[in-house]
């Protein structure tokens, strides 16, 4: 870290950093500290703060031993298990296509990235129609090949897959650009050498492309697991945690405890439990990266 040697430069540096530090303290550190304090109290937004009592770890025990937590954890993991492989496959596939030169390349790139800049509110309206059981576009397409599609968002079994489909559609373009940047950084001579050795397209993909972009793929996995554990907007807008709680996830529960039931203590405890899960998942990923991520290129 650079520290100015003269007092005048240090004062000038402090003046320029002060607005950012105030923002970090006011909008990051202070809320984190407040959440930690609230998590060990019975704070209720409908009650005066003078009525707030210290309850220790009762909120954590109530959540972890309750019947709701395993369901919420299961729904969140279901989303993650469905979302992660799909988003990785579609992102890599789209990036491989964008890395080629062909007629209509610019139009294809625009179509791929348009969902990223679309708000979830607008996207949810469209996908609620697409996934409609009776008149939905997806079920109409399935009926053409003789398949009767389910009532996606009204079914306990199919609501989460429906949300995942919408999320993959919306997020693929963003992550594809990250993969595309990694593909552009590969030295073309690697492929030239493979051509001389007679390697086919699949061999070049598995032996050259994927190993050389593995650091970017690792980054995407980390980002998407964190995102998957924090999925919220798509669930809230498309199903509101239903039907019958089949899509209730961590942030949806935190939101409803805090701003629907006004139980800020429970909501804060839920937040810290989610933080612990994210920390554990991230630590596991960084431990496993040694076995497959190639940083030598």
Foldseek 3Di string as FASTA:
>chain_A
DDQDDDPVVNVVVCVVCVVVVCCCVVVPVVVLVVLVQLQQWQDFPVDDPVPIDGNGNPLVCCQVPDPVNVLQVVLLVVLLVLQLVLLLVLLQVLLVVLLDDDPCSVVSLCQQQVLQPDDLLVLLVLLLQLLAQPRHVVQVVVVVVPDRDHRQCADLVRNSVSLSVSVSSNCSSVLSVLLNVQVVPFDCVVVVVCVVVVDDPVCCCVPPSCQSCVVSVLVVSLVSSLCSLVPDDSCCNNHLCDDVNSNNHLNSVLCCVCPVVRRSNSSSSSVVVSVVVSVVVNVVSVVVCVPRHDPPD
